[in-house]
């Protein structure tokens, strides 16, 4: 997977994680800057060993859908920790 495709998958996963969180916490979501939060989540995600393993696993399986799903699972607790819930 090219770096561009990986970055796109990260953005997609973080956006989906944010959308799910925002649906559960609309009032809080309306008071924070989505771009700042998603950028911070994406950066934290990229620095995690679980992310590096997900990239390796993707290279073996070549399943972009599975890769994005795995990234969503990794991004969700980072997002929740970042917004303090």
C-alpha atoms as a PDB file:
ATOM      1  CA  UNK A   1       0.000   0.000   0.000  1.00  0.00           C
ATOM      2  CA  UNK A   2       1.421   3.356  -0.955  1.00  0.00           C
ATOM      3  CA  UNK A   3       2.040   5.995   1.672  1.00  0.00           C
ATOM      4  CA  UNK A   4      -0.735   8.064   0.099  1.00  0.00           C
ATOM      5  CA  UNK A   5      -3.198   5.177   0.426  1.00  0.00           C
ATOM      6  CA  UNK A   6      -2.127   4.588   4.033  1.00  0.00           C
ATOM      7  CA  UNK A   7      -2.648   8.274   4.866  1.00  0.00           C
ATOM      8  CA  UNK A   8      -6.046   8.157   3.186  1.00  0.00           C
ATOM      9  CA  UNK A   9      -6.992   5.059   5.203  1.00  0.00           C
ATOM     10  CA  UNK A  10      -5.882   6.761   8.425  1.00  0.00           C
ATOM     11  CA  UNK A  11      -7.959   9.840   7.595  1.00  0.00           C
ATOM     12  CA  UNK A  12     -10.976   7.675   6.768  1.00  0.00           C
ATOM     13  CA  UNK A  13     -10.657   5.634   9.957  1.00  0.00           C
ATOM     14  CA  UNK A  14     -10.189   8.656  12.210  1.00  0.00           C
ATOM     15  CA  UNK A  15     -13.122  10.426  10.567  1.00  0.00           C
ATOM     16  CA  UNK A  16     -15.377   7.417  11.085  1.00  0.00           C
ATOM     17  CA  UNK A  17     -14.267   7.068  14.707  1.00  0.00           C
ATOM     18  CA  UNK A  18     -14.958  10.772  15.245  1.00  0.00           C
ATOM     19  CA  UNK A  19     -18.382  10.570  13.594  1.00  0.00           C
ATOM     20  CA  UNK A  20     -19.366   7.658  15.842  1.00  0.00           C
ATOM     21  CA  UNK A  21     -18.139   9.483  18.939  1.00  0.00           C
ATOM     22  CA  UNK A  22     -19.827  12.746  17.899  1.00  0.00           C
ATOM     23  CA  UNK A  23     -23.137  10.937  17.396  1.00  0.00           C
ATOM     24  CA  UNK A  24     -22.959   9.797  21.023  1.00  0.00           C
ATOM     25  CA  UNK A  25     -21.780  13.189  22.321  1.00  0.00           C
ATOM     26  CA  UNK A  26     -23.279  15.857  20.028  1.00  0.00           C
ATOM     27  CA  UNK A  27     -23.120  18.704  22.532  1.00  0.00           C
ATOM     28  CA  UNK A  28     -19.464  18.155  23.313  1.00  0.00           C
ATOM     29  CA  UNK A  29     -18.654  17.560  19.652  1.00  0.00           C
ATOM     30  CA  UNK A  30     -20.189  20.917  18.756  1.00  0.00           C
ATOM     31  CA  UNK A  31     -17.814  22.712  21.122  1.00  0.00           C
ATOM     32  CA  UNK A  32     -14.513  21.287  19.882  1.00  0.00           C
ATOM     33  CA  UNK A  33     -12.566  21.810  16.702  1.00  0.00           C
ATOM     34  CA  UNK A  34     -12.985  18.612  14.708  1.00  0.00           C
ATOM     35  CA  UNK A  35      -9.882  19.175  12.574  1.00  0.00           C
ATOM     36  CA  UNK A  36      -7.634  19.696  15.594  1.00  0.00           C
ATOM     37  CA  UNK A  37      -8.943  16.589  17.324  1.00  0.00           C
ATOM     38  CA  UNK A  38      -8.757  14.391  14.230  1.00  0.00           C
ATOM     39  CA  UNK A  39      -5.217  15.584  13.468  1.00  0.00           C
ATOM     40  CA  UNK A  40      -4.146  14.770  17.026  1.00  0.00           C
ATOM     41  CA  UNK A  41      -5.811  11.353  16.916  1.00  0.00           C
ATOM     42  CA  UNK A  42      -4.217  10.550  13.552  1.00  0.00           C
ATOM     43  CA  UNK A  43      -0.774  11.559  14.811  1.00  0.00           C
ATOM     44  CA  UNK A  44      -1.133   9.501  17.991  1.00  0.00           C
ATOM     45  CA  UNK A  45      -2.371   6.574  15.950  1.00  0.00           C
ATOM     46  CA  UNK A  46       0.620   6.756  13.588  1.00  0.00           C
ATOM     47  CA  UNK A  47       3.003   6.694  16.549  1.00  0.00           C
ATOM     48  CA  UNK A  48       1.532   3.552  18.106  1.00  0.00           C
ATOM     49  CA  UNK A  49       3.093   0.115  17.732  1.00  0.00           C
ATOM     50  CA  UNK A  50      -0.386  -1.242  16.983  1.00  0.00           C
ATOM     51  CA  UNK A  51      -0.542   1.017  13.931  1.00  0.00           C
ATOM     52  CA  UNK A  52       2.798  -0.271  12.663  1.00  0.00           C
ATOM     53  CA  UNK A  53       1.535  -3.825  13.128  1.00  0.00           C
ATOM     54  CA  UNK A  54      -1.675  -2.973  11.256  1.00  0.00           C
ATOM     55  CA  UNK A  55       0.395  -1.700   8.318  1.00  0.00           C
ATOM     56  CA  UNK A  56       2.417  -4.928   8.339  1.00  0.00           C
ATOM     57  CA  UNK A  57      -0.768  -6.998   8.503  1.00  0.00           C
ATOM     58  CA  UNK A  58      -2.231  -5.034   5.609  1.00  0.00           C
ATOM     59  CA  UNK A  59       0.870  -5.701   3.556  1.00  0.00           C
ATOM     60  CA  UNK A  60       0.311  -9.412   4.064  1.00  0.00           C
ATOM     61  CA  UNK A  61      -3.461  -9.521   3.573  1.00  0.00           C
ATOM     62  CA  UNK A  62      -3.928  -6.694   1.048  1.00  0.00           C
ATOM     63  CA  UNK A  63      -7.404  -6.016   2.423  1.00  0.00           C
ATOM     64  CA  UNK A  64      -7.982  -2.285   2.568  1.00  0.00           C
ATOM     65  CA  UNK A  65     -11.387  -2.712   4.225  1.00  0.00           C
ATOM     66  CA  UNK A  66      -9.886  -4.842   6.992  1.00  0.00           C
ATOM     67  CA  UNK A  67      -7.071  -2.297   7.390  1.00  0.00           C
ATOM     68  CA  UNK A  68      -9.479   0.623   7.776  1.00  0.00           C
ATOM     69  CA  UNK A  69     -11.600  -1.382  10.232  1.00  0.00           C
ATOM     70  CA  UNK A  70      -8.522  -2.171  12.300  1.00  0.00           C
ATOM     71  CA  UNK A  71      -7.505   1.497  12.262  1.00  0.00           C
ATOM     72  CA  UNK A  72     -10.985   2.534  13.432  1.00  0.00           C
ATOM     73  CA  UNK A  73     -10.672   0.140  16.364  1.00  0.00           C
ATOM     74  CA  UNK A  74      -7.274   1.651  17.211  1.00  0.00           C
ATOM     75  CA  UNK A  75      -8.378   5.267  16.726  1.00  0.00           C
ATOM     76  CA  UNK A  76     -11.506   5.086  18.881  1.00  0.00           C
ATOM     77  CA  UNK A  77      -9.780   4.737  22.291  1.00  0.00           C
ATOM     78  CA  UNK A  78      -7.262   7.400  21.304  1.00  0.00           C
ATOM     79  CA  UNK A  79     -10.113   9.767  20.453  1.00  0.00           C
ATOM     80  CA  UNK A  80     -11.936   9.018  23.691  1.00  0.00           C
ATOM     81  CA  UNK A  81      -8.747   9.546  25.700  1.00  0.00           C
ATOM     82  CA  UNK A  82      -8.028  12.801  23.911  1.00  0.00           C
ATOM     83  CA  UNK A  83     -11.427  14.337  24.587  1.00  0.00           C
ATOM     84  CA  UNK A  84     -11.367  13.100  28.152  1.00  0.00           C
ATOM     85  CA  UNK A  85     -14.287  10.689  28.255  1.00  0.00           C
END
